[in-house]
Amino acid sequence: MPKRILFFESDAAFAADVRARLEPLGATVEVTDDGNAGVDRAAADRPDLILLTIELPQMNGFLVCKKLKKAAETASIPVIILSSEATEEIFEQHKKLR
């Protein structure tokens, strides 16, 4: 059975590139660019992995991650946070928010 990945990404070209690289490896990739809708989708469909970019339009990825980890339905889903702009210091600040 293919692994299901939910990818939070607002750059459609980048999302398509990631999907094109993961699907031949046996994954199915669903892309969302909306933090709230994605959180709802994750709770309803329980993907095997979440790829989450920090740079999202309505809600940044750190807030999405916080919502995912607080909800019982999604707390155990592994999350990989990606960013093209964040520094290591920003990631360290996020880790301290727990």
PDB file of N, CA and C in Angstrom:
ATOM      1  N   MET A   1       0.846  -1.180   0.000  1.00  0.00           N
ATOM      2  CA  MET A   1       0.000   0.000   0.000  1.00  0.00           C
ATOM      3  C   MET A   1       0.894   1.246   0.000  1.00  0.00           C
ATOM      4  N   PRO A   2       0.608   2.220  -0.876  1.00  0.00           N
ATOM      5  CA  PRO A   2       1.456   3.415  -0.948  1.00  0.00           C
ATOM      6  C   PRO A   2       1.360   4.251   0.322  1.00  0.00           C
ATOM      7  N   LYS A   3       2.462   4.872   0.672  1.00  0.00           N
ATOM      8  CA  LYS A   3       2.479   5.806   1.794  1.00  0.00           C
ATOM      9  C   LYS A   3       1.789   7.092   1.365  1.00  0.00           C
ATOM     10  N   ARG A   4       0.969   7.624   2.261  1.00  0.00           N
ATOM     11  CA  ARG A   4       0.227   8.850   1.973  1.00  0.00           C
ATOM     12  C   ARG A   4       0.928  10.032   2.634  1.00  0.00           C
ATOM     13  N   ILE A   5       1.225  11.036   1.841  1.00  0.00           N
ATOM     14  CA  ILE A   5       1.908  12.233   2.320  1.00  0.00           C
ATOM     15  C   ILE A   5       1.007  13.435   2.077  1.00  0.00           C
ATOM     16  N   LEU A   6       0.845  14.249   3.106  1.00  0.00           N
ATOM     17  CA  LEU A   6       0.143  15.524   2.974  1.00  0.00           C
ATOM     18  C   LEU A   6       1.197  16.616   2.977  1.00  0.00           C
ATOM     19  N   PHE A   7       1.242  17.407   1.919  1.00  0.00           N
ATOM     20  CA  PHE A   7       2.277  18.421   1.733  1.00  0.00           C
ATOM     21  C   PHE A   7       1.642  19.800   1.793  1.00  0.00           C
ATOM     22  N   PHE A   8       2.003  20.579   2.810  1.00  0.00           N
ATOM     23  CA  PHE A   8       1.556  21.966   2.954  1.00  0.00           C
ATOM     24  C   PHE A   8       2.557  22.837   2.201  1.00  0.00           C
ATOM     25  N   GLU A   9       2.147  23.385   1.062  1.00  0.00           N
ATOM     26  CA  GLU A   9       3.064  24.182   0.240  1.00  0.00           C
ATOM     27  C   GLU A   9       2.271  25.151  -0.624  1.00  0.00           C
ATOM     28  N   SER A  10       2.688  26.424  -0.639  1.00  0.00           N
ATOM     29  CA  SER A  10       1.981  27.428  -1.428  1.00  0.00           C
ATOM     30  C   SER A  10       2.593  27.644  -2.809  1.00  0.00           C
ATOM     31  N   ASP A  11       3.788  27.156  -3.050  1.00  0.00           N
ATOM     32  CA  ASP A  11       4.433  27.282  -4.354  1.00  0.00           C
ATOM     33  C   ASP A  11       4.055  26.067  -5.207  1.00  0.00           C
ATOM     34  N   ALA A  12       3.150  26.280  -6.155  1.00  0.00           N
ATOM     35  CA  ALA A  12       2.609  25.172  -6.945  1.00  0.00           C
ATOM     36  C   ALA A  12       3.691  24.446  -7.744  1.00  0.00           C
ATOM     37  N   ALA A  13       4.650  25.183  -8.276  1.00  0.00           N
ATOM     38  CA  ALA A  13       5.713  24.554  -9.065  1.00  0.00           C
ATOM     39  C   ALA A  13       6.587  23.652  -8.197  1.00  0.00           C
ATOM     40  N   PHE A  14       6.936  24.139  -7.010  1.00  0.00           N
ATOM     41  CA  PHE A  14       7.747  23.335  -6.098  1.00  0.00           C
ATOM     42  C   PHE A  14       6.972  22.106  -5.635  1.00  0.00           C
ATOM     43  N   ALA A  15       5.700  22.292  -5.334  1.00  0.00           N
ATOM     44  CA  ALA A  15       4.863  21.166  -4.899  1.00  0.00           C
ATOM     45  C   ALA A  15       4.780  20.102  -5.995  1.00  0.00           C
ATOM     46  N   ALA A  16       4.635  20.531  -7.233  1.00  0.00           N
ATOM     47  CA  ALA A  16       4.571  19.584  -8.349  1.00  0.00           C
ATOM     48  C   ALA A  16       5.895  18.839  -8.506  1.00  0.00           C
ATOM     49  N   ASP A  17       6.998  19.531  -8.301  1.00  0.00           N
ATOM     50  CA  ASP A  17       8.318  18.899  -8.399  1.00  0.00           C
ATOM     51  C   ASP A  17       8.494  17.839  -7.305  1.00  0.00           C
ATOM     52  N   VAL A  18       8.121  18.182  -6.083  1.00  0.00           N
ATOM     53  CA  VAL A  18       8.229  17.222  -4.980  1.00  0.00           C
ATOM     54  C   VAL A  18       7.327  16.017  -5.237  1.00  0.00           C
ATOM     55  N   ARG A  19       6.119  16.272  -5.664  1.00  0.00           N
ATOM     56  CA  ARG A  19       5.189  15.175  -5.982  1.00  0.00           C
ATOM     57  C   ARG A  19       5.782  14.272  -7.061  1.00  0.00           C
ATOM     58  N   ALA A  20       6.334  14.881  -8.115  1.00  0.00           N
ATOM     59  CA  ALA A  20       6.907  14.110  -9.219  1.00  0.00           C
ATOM     60  C   ALA A  20       8.084  13.241  -8.763  1.00  0.00           C
ATOM     61  N   ARG A  21       8.778  13.659  -7.728  1.00  0.00           N
ATOM     62  CA  ARG A  21       9.913  12.878  -7.224  1.00  0.00           C
ATOM     63  C   ARG A  21       9.488  11.798  -6.230  1.00  0.00           C
ATOM     64  N   LEU A  22       8.411  12.025  -5.501  1.00  0.00           N
ATOM     65  CA  LEU A  22       7.993  11.056  -4.483  1.00  0.00           C
ATOM     66  C   LEU A  22       7.060   9.975  -5.025  1.00  0.00           C
ATOM     67  N   GLU A  23       6.213  10.314  -5.961  1.00  0.00           N
ATOM     68  CA  GLU A  23       5.249   9.327  -6.458  1.00  0.00           C
ATOM     69  C   GLU A  23       5.906   8.113  -7.136  1.00  0.00           C
ATOM     70  N   PRO A  24       7.001   8.278  -7.894  1.00  0.00           N
ATOM     71  CA  PRO A  24       7.657   7.089  -8.454  1.00  0.00           C
ATOM     72  C   PRO A  24       8.245   6.162  -7.379  1.00  0.00           C
ATOM     73  N   LEU A  25       8.412   6.680  -6.173  1.00  0.00           N
ATOM     74  CA  LEU A  25       8.913   5.871  -5.058  1.00  0.00           C
ATOM     75  C   LEU A  25       7.785   5.138  -4.333  1.00  0.00           C
ATOM     76  N   GLY A  26       6.557   5.317  -4.808  1.00  0.00           N
ATOM     77  CA  GLY A  26       5.424   4.607  -4.236  1.00  0.00           C
ATOM     78  C   GLY A  26       4.573   5.419  -3.277  1.00  0.00           C
ATOM     79  N   ALA A  27       4.801   6.708  -3.183  1.00  0.00           N
ATOM     80  CA  ALA A  27       4.007   7.557  -2.293  1.00  0.00           C
ATOM     81  C   ALA A  27       2.874   8.220  -3.073  1.00  0.00           C
ATOM     82  N   THR A  28       1.788   8.510  -2.375  1.00  0.00           N
ATOM     83  CA  THR A  28       0.765   9.384  -2.932  1.00  0.00           C
ATOM     84  C   THR A  28       0.879  10.701  -2.184  1.00  0.00           C
ATOM     85  N   VAL A  29       0.877  11.784  -2.925  1.00  0.00           N
ATOM     86  CA  VAL A  29       1.112  13.110  -2.339  1.00  0.00           C
ATOM     87  C   VAL A  29      -0.090  13.994  -2.606  1.00  0.00           C
ATOM     88  N   GLU A  30      -0.678  14.500  -1.536  1.00  0.00           N
ATOM     89  CA  GLU A  30      -1.750  15.488  -1.641  1.00  0.00           C
ATOM     90  C   GLU A  30      -1.174  16.821  -1.199  1.00  0.00           C
ATOM     91  N   VAL A  31      -1.460  17.875  -1.950  1.00  0.00           N
ATOM     92  CA  VAL A  31      -0.909  19.197  -1.659  1.00  0.00           C
ATOM     93  C   VAL A  31      -2.029  20.126  -1.222  1.00  0.00           C
ATOM     94  N   THR A  32      -1.744  20.911  -0.188  1.00  0.00           N
ATOM     95  CA  THR A  32      -2.654  21.969   0.250  1.00  0.00           C
ATOM     96  C   THR A  32      -1.839  23.230   0.492  1.00  0.00           C
ATOM     97  N   ASP A  33      -2.415  24.375   0.184  1.00  0.00           N
ATOM     98  CA  ASP A  33      -1.733  25.639   0.463  1.00  0.00           C
ATOM     99  C   ASP A  33      -2.453  26.423   1.561  1.00  0.00           C
ATOM    100  N   ASP A  34      -3.415  25.789   2.193  1.00  0.00           N
ATOM    101  CA  ASP A  34      -4.212  26.435   3.229  1.00  0.00           C
ATOM    102  C   ASP A  34      -4.005  25.708   4.552  1.00  0.00           C
ATOM    103  N   GLY A  35      -3.465  26.404   5.541  1.00  0.00           N
ATOM    104  CA  GLY A  35      -3.156  25.781   6.826  1.00  0.00           C
ATOM    105  C   GLY A  35      -4.357  25.167   7.516  1.00  0.00           C
ATOM    106  N   ASN A  36      -5.450  25.915   7.646  1.00  0.00           N
ATOM    107  CA  ASN A  36      -6.634  25.402   8.340  1.00  0.00           C
ATOM    108  C   ASN A  36      -7.253  24.212   7.613  1.00  0.00           C
ATOM    109  N   ALA A  37      -7.390  24.331   6.296  1.00  0.00           N
ATOM    110  CA  ALA A  37      -7.957  23.230   5.515  1.00  0.00           C
ATOM    111  C   ALA A  37      -7.056  22.004   5.601  1.00  0.00           C
ATOM    112  N   GLY A  38      -5.750  22.216   5.596  1.00  0.00           N
ATOM    113  CA  GLY A  38      -4.813  21.104   5.696  1.00  0.00           C
ATOM    114  C   GLY A  38      -4.883  20.401   7.038  1.00  0.00           C
ATOM    115  N   VAL A  39      -5.031  21.161   8.103  1.00  0.00           N
ATOM    116  CA  VAL A  39      -5.177  20.560   9.437  1.00  0.00           C
ATOM    117  C   VAL A  39      -6.432  19.699   9.477  1.00  0.00           C
ATOM    118  N   ASP A  40      -7.515  20.215   8.922  1.00  0.00           N
ATOM    119  CA  ASP A  40      -8.759  19.435   8.858  1.00  0.00           C
ATOM    120  C   ASP A  40      -8.575  18.176   8.024  1.00  0.00           C
ATOM    121  N   ARG A  41      -7.880  18.297   6.903  1.00  0.00           N
ATOM    122  CA  ARG A  41      -7.637  17.143   6.021  1.00  0.00           C
ATOM    123  C   ARG A  41      -6.782  16.100   6.744  1.00  0.00           C
ATOM    124  N   ALA A  42      -5.769  16.546   7.460  1.00  0.00           N
ATOM    125  CA  ALA A  42      -4.906  15.615   8.189  1.00  0.00           C
ATOM    126  C   ALA A  42      -5.700  14.855   9.247  1.00  0.00           C
ATOM    127  N   ALA A  43      -6.597  15.545   9.943  1.00  0.00           N
ATOM    128  CA  ALA A  43      -7.410  14.889  10.974  1.00  0.00           C
ATOM    129  C   ALA A  43      -8.372  13.880  10.363  1.00  0.00           C
ATOM    130  N   ALA A  44      -8.917  14.196   9.206  1.00  0.00           N
ATOM    131  CA  ALA A  44      -9.896  13.318   8.568  1.00  0.00           C
ATOM    132  C   ALA A  44      -9.240  12.121   7.878  1.00  0.00           C
ATOM    133  N   ASP A  45      -8.104  12.345   7.220  1.00  0.00           N
ATOM    134  CA  ASP A  45      -7.500  11.301   6.387  1.00  0.00           C
ATOM    135  C   ASP A  45      -6.274  10.617   6.997  1.00  0.00           C
ATOM    136  N   ARG A  46      -5.718  11.172   8.060  1.00  0.00           N
ATOM    137  CA  ARG A  46      -4.556  10.600   8.751  1.00  0.00           C
ATOM    138  C   ARG A  46      -3.455  10.120   7.797  1.00  0.00           C
ATOM    139  N   PRO A  47      -2.714  11.056   7.172  1.00  0.00           N
ATOM    140  CA  PRO A  47      -1.627  10.642   6.285  1.00  0.00           C
ATOM    141  C   PRO A  47      -0.503   9.972   7.086  1.00  0.00           C
ATOM    142  N   ASP A  48       0.385   9.286   6.381  1.00  0.00           N
ATOM    143  CA  ASP A  48       1.520   8.635   7.028  1.00  0.00           C
ATOM    144  C   ASP A  48       2.616   9.632   7.382  1.00  0.00           C
ATOM    145  N   LEU A  49       2.674  10.748   6.659  1.00  0.00           N
ATOM    146  CA  LEU A  49       3.710  11.763   6.851  1.00  0.00           C
ATOM    147  C   LEU A  49       3.157  13.113   6.427  1.00  0.00           C
ATOM    148  N   ILE A  50       3.596  14.159   7.119  1.00  0.00           N
ATOM    149  CA  ILE A  50       3.247  15.525   6.731  1.00  0.00           C
ATOM    150  C   ILE A  50       4.538  16.268   6.414  1.00  0.00           C
ATOM    151  N   LEU A  51       4.586  16.849   5.217  1.00  0.00           N
ATOM    152  CA  LEU A  51       5.653  17.778   4.850  1.00  0.00           C
ATOM    153  C   LEU A  51       5.055  19.170   4.988  1.00  0.00           C
ATOM    154  N   LEU A  52       5.721  20.024   5.724  1.00  0.00           N
ATOM    155  CA  LEU A  52       5.132  21.314   6.090  1.00  0.00           C
ATOM    156  C   LEU A  52       6.124  22.437   5.865  1.00  0.00           C
ATOM    157  N   THR A  53       5.777  23.359   4.981  1.00  0.00           N
ATOM    158  CA  THR A  53       6.635  24.523   4.794  1.00  0.00           C
ATOM    159  C   THR A  53       6.190  25.633   5.738  1.00  0.00           C
ATOM    160  N   ILE A  54       7.144  26.411   6.176  1.00  0.00           N
ATOM    161  CA  ILE A  54       6.850  27.511   7.106  1.00  0.00           C
ATOM    162  C   ILE A  54       6.106  28.627   6.393  1.00  0.00           C
ATOM    163  N   GLU A  55       6.467  28.876   5.147  1.00  0.00           N
ATOM    164  CA  GLU A  55       5.916  30.003   4.411  1.00  0.00           C
ATOM    165  C   GLU A  55       4.579  29.631   3.767  1.00  0.00           C
ATOM    166  N   LEU A  56       3.517  29.819   4.520  1.00  0.00           N
ATOM    167  CA  LEU A  56       2.160  29.604   4.017  1.00  0.00           C
ATOM    168  C   LEU A  56       1.399  30.924   4.095  1.00  0.00           C
ATOM    169  N   PRO A  57       0.422  31.152   3.214  1.00  0.00           N
ATOM    170  CA  PRO A  57      -0.240  32.452   3.159  1.00  0.00           C
ATOM    171  C   PRO A  57      -1.080  32.845   4.377  1.00  0.00           C
ATOM    172  N   GLN A  58      -2.006  32.023   4.812  1.00  0.00           N
ATOM    173  CA  GLN A  58      -2.916  32.440   5.879  1.00  0.00           C
ATOM    174  C   GLN A  58      -2.357  32.176   7.284  1.00  0.00           C
ATOM    175  N   MET A  59      -1.652  31.098   7.449  1.00  0.00           N
ATOM    176  CA  MET A  59      -1.151  30.694   8.761  1.00  0.00           C
ATOM    177  C   MET A  59       0.235  30.091   8.551  1.00  0.00           C
ATOM    178  N   ASN A  60       1.252  30.572   9.276  1.00  0.00           N
ATOM    179  CA  ASN A  60       2.580  30.038   9.024  1.00  0.00           C
ATOM    180  C   ASN A  60       2.695  28.584   9.500  1.00  0.00           C
ATOM    181  N   GLY A  61       3.694  27.915   8.993  1.00  0.00           N
ATOM    182  CA  GLY A  61       3.876  26.501   9.272  1.00  0.00           C
ATOM    183  C   GLY A  61       4.073  26.164  10.741  1.00  0.00           C
ATOM    184  N   PHE A  62       4.672  27.073  11.506  1.00  0.00           N
ATOM    185  CA  PHE A  62       4.853  26.803  12.929  1.00  0.00           C
ATOM    186  C   PHE A  62       3.511  26.707  13.645  1.00  0.00           C
ATOM    187  N   LEU A  63       2.570  27.584  13.282  1.00  0.00           N
ATOM    188  CA  LEU A  63       1.239  27.521  13.882  1.00  0.00           C
ATOM    189  C   LEU A  63       0.496  26.270  13.440  1.00  0.00           C
ATOM    190  N   VAL A  64       0.670  25.891  12.165  1.00  0.00           N
ATOM    191  CA  VAL A  64       0.063  24.651  11.678  1.00  0.00           C
ATOM    192  C   VAL A  64       0.609  23.472  12.475  1.00  0.00           C
ATOM    193  N   CYS A  65       1.923  23.428  12.672  1.00  0.00           N
ATOM    194  CA  CYS A  65       2.548  22.349  13.422  1.00  0.00           C
ATOM    195  C   CYS A  65       1.998  22.292  14.844  1.00  0.00           C
ATOM    196  N   LYS A  66       1.862  23.438  15.464  1.00  0.00           N
ATOM    197  CA  LYS A  66       1.332  23.492  16.825  1.00  0.00           C
ATOM    198  C   LYS A  66      -0.079  22.896  16.885  1.00  0.00           C
ATOM    199  N   LYS A  67      -0.923  23.264  15.905  1.00  0.00           N
ATOM    200  CA  LYS A  67      -2.283  22.714  15.858  1.00  0.00           C
ATOM    201  C   LYS A  67      -2.264  21.203  15.642  1.00  0.00           C
ATOM    202  N   LEU A  68      -1.408  20.745  14.735  1.00  0.00           N
ATOM    203  CA  LEU A  68      -1.323  19.314  14.449  1.00  0.00           C
ATOM    204  C   LEU A  68      -0.890  18.520  15.679  1.00  0.00           C
ATOM    205  N   LYS A  69       0.067  19.030  16.416  1.00  0.00           N
ATOM    206  CA  LYS A  69       0.611  18.298  17.559  1.00  0.00           C
ATOM    207  C   LYS A  69      -0.286  18.392  18.794  1.00  0.00           C
ATOM    208  N   LYS A  70      -1.179  19.377  18.844  1.00  0.00           N
ATOM    209  CA  LYS A  70      -2.120  19.492  19.963  1.00  0.00           C
ATOM    210  C   LYS A  70      -3.343  18.598  19.799  1.00  0.00           C
ATOM    211  N   ALA A  71      -3.704  18.293  18.556  1.00  0.00           N
ATOM    212  CA  ALA A  71      -4.912  17.505  18.290  1.00  0.00           C
ATOM    213  C   ALA A  71      -4.605  16.009  18.418  1.00  0.00           C
ATOM    214  N   ALA A  72      -5.451  15.308  19.130  1.00  0.00           N
ATOM    215  CA  ALA A  72      -5.252  13.872  19.351  1.00  0.00           C
ATOM    216  C   ALA A  72      -5.212  13.093  18.035  1.00  0.00           C
ATOM    217  N   GLU A  73      -6.006  13.507  17.042  1.00  0.00           N
ATOM    218  CA  GLU A  73      -6.078  12.780  15.771  1.00  0.00           C
ATOM    219  C   GLU A  73      -4.794  12.872  14.959  1.00  0.00           C
ATOM    220  N   THR A  74      -4.028  13.936  15.164  1.00  0.00           N
ATOM    221  CA  THR A  74      -2.848  14.171  14.324  1.00  0.00           C
ATOM    222  C   THR A  74      -1.532  14.213  15.088  1.00  0.00           C
ATOM    223  N   ALA A  75      -1.578  14.133  16.396  1.00  0.00           N
ATOM    224  CA  ALA A  75      -0.361  14.293  17.208  1.00  0.00           C
ATOM    225  C   ALA A  75       0.723  13.264  16.886  1.00  0.00           C
ATOM    226  N   SER A  76       0.342  12.064  16.486  1.00  0.00           N
ATOM    227  CA  SER A  76       1.338  11.014  16.252  1.00  0.00           C
ATOM    228  C   SER A  76       1.845  10.961  14.810  1.00  0.00           C
ATOM    229  N   ILE A  77       1.318  11.809  13.940  1.00  0.00           N
ATOM    230  CA  ILE A  77       1.772  11.808  12.544  1.00  0.00           C
ATOM    231  C   ILE A  77       3.119  12.525  12.470  1.00  0.00           C
ATOM    232  N   PRO A  78       4.133  11.885  11.886  1.00  0.00           N
ATOM    233  CA  PRO A  78       5.432  12.560  11.750  1.00  0.00           C
ATOM    234  C   PRO A  78       5.317  13.792  10.856  1.00  0.00           C
ATOM    235  N   VAL A  79       6.010  14.867  11.263  1.00  0.00           N
ATOM    236  CA  VAL A  79       6.003  16.117  10.514  1.00  0.00           C
ATOM    237  C   VAL A  79       7.443  16.494  10.192  1.00  0.00           C
ATOM    238  N   ILE A  80       7.694  16.802   8.937  1.00  0.00           N
ATOM    239  CA  ILE A  80       8.987  17.347   8.518  1.00  0.00           C
ATOM    240  C   ILE A  80       8.737  18.784   8.111  1.00  0.00           C
ATOM    241  N   ILE A  81       9.420  19.712   8.791  1.00  0.00           N
ATOM    242  CA  ILE A  81       9.251  21.134   8.503  1.00  0.00           C
ATOM    243  C   ILE A  81      10.336  21.574   7.536  1.00  0.00           C
ATOM    244  N   LEU A  82       9.900  22.264   6.480  1.00  0.00           N
ATOM    245  CA  LEU A  82      10.797  22.758   5.441  1.00  0.00           C
ATOM    246  C   LEU A  82      10.720  24.277   5.369  1.00  0.00           C
ATOM    247  N   SER A  83      11.813  24.894   4.939  1.00  0.00           N
ATOM    248  CA  SER A  83      11.781  26.330   4.723  1.00  0.00           C
ATOM    249  C   SER A  83      12.887  26.728   3.758  1.00  0.00           C
ATOM    250  N   SER A  84      12.563  27.652   2.892  1.00  0.00           N
ATOM    251  CA  SER A  84      13.577  28.199   2.000  1.00  0.00           C
ATOM    252  C   SER A  84      14.159  29.488   2.564  1.00  0.00           C
ATOM    253  N   GLU A  85      13.534  30.016   3.614  1.00  0.00           N
ATOM    254  CA  GLU A  85      13.939  31.319   4.133  1.00  0.00           C
ATOM    255  C   GLU A  85      14.322  31.325   5.604  1.00  0.00           C
ATOM    256  N   ALA A  86      13.851  30.395   6.395  1.00  0.00           N
ATOM    257  CA  ALA A  86      14.083  30.430   7.836  1.00  0.00           C
ATOM    258  C   ALA A  86      15.527  30.074   8.174  1.00  0.00           C
ATOM    259  N   THR A  87      16.011  30.698   9.218  1.00  0.00           N
ATOM    260  CA  THR A  87      17.364  30.420   9.687  1.00  0.00           C
ATOM    261  C   THR A  87      17.312  29.374  10.796  1.00  0.00           C
ATOM    262  N   GLU A  88      18.462  28.865  11.146  1.00  0.00           N
ATOM    263  CA  GLU A  88      18.532  27.895  12.246  1.00  0.00           C
ATOM    264  C   GLU A  88      18.014  28.530  13.539  1.00  0.00           C
ATOM    265  N   GLU A  89      18.245  29.808  13.723  1.00  0.00           N
ATOM    266  CA  GLU A  89      17.778  30.517  14.917  1.00  0.00           C
ATOM    267  C   GLU A  89      16.249  30.500  15.002  1.00  0.00           C
ATOM    268  N   ILE A  90      15.584  30.667  13.877  1.00  0.00           N
ATOM    269  CA  ILE A  90      14.121  30.637  13.864  1.00  0.00           C
ATOM    270  C   ILE A  90      13.619  29.257  14.264  1.00  0.00           C
ATOM    271  N   PHE A  91      14.263  28.187  13.762  1.00  0.00           N
ATOM    272  CA  PHE A  91      13.873  26.832  14.148  1.00  0.00           C
ATOM    273  C   PHE A  91      14.105  26.608  15.646  1.00  0.00           C
ATOM    274  N   GLU A  92      15.196  27.126  16.184  1.00  0.00           N
ATOM    275  CA  GLU A  92      15.476  26.989  17.621  1.00  0.00           C
ATOM    276  C   GLU A  92      14.413  27.707  18.452  1.00  0.00           C
ATOM    277  N   GLN A  93      13.988  28.881  18.015  1.00  0.00           N
ATOM    278  CA  GLN A  93      12.930  29.606  18.716  1.00  0.00           C
ATOM    279  C   GLN A  93      11.644  28.800  18.706  1.00  0.00           C
ATOM    280  N   HIS A  94      11.342  28.149  17.602  1.00  0.00           N
ATOM    281  CA  HIS A  94      10.146  27.332  17.506  1.00  0.00           C
ATOM    282  C   HIS A  94      10.213  26.166  18.483  1.00  0.00           C
ATOM    283  N   LYS A  95      11.364  25.530  18.584  1.00  0.00           N
ATOM    284  CA  LYS A  95      11.498  24.397  19.503  1.00  0.00           C
ATOM    285  C   LYS A  95      11.263  24.820  20.951  1.00  0.00           C
ATOM    286  N   LYS A  96      11.609  26.056  21.275  1.00  0.00           N
ATOM    287  CA  LYS A  96      11.416  26.553  22.654  1.00  0.00           C
ATOM    288  C   LYS A  96       9.954  26.844  22.963  1.00  0.00           C
ATOM    289  N   LEU A  97       9.100  26.964  21.934  1.00  0.00           N
ATOM    290  CA  LEU A  97       7.688  27.277  22.146  1.00  0.00           C
ATOM    291  C   LEU A  97       6.904  26.115  22.737  1.00  0.00           C
ATOM    292  N   ARG A  98       7.427  24.923  22.682  1.00  0.00           N
ATOM    293  CA  ARG A  98       6.723  23.765  23.192  1.00  0.00           C
ATOM    294  C   ARG A  98       6.394  24.021  24.609  1.00  0.00           C
TER     295      ARG A  98
END
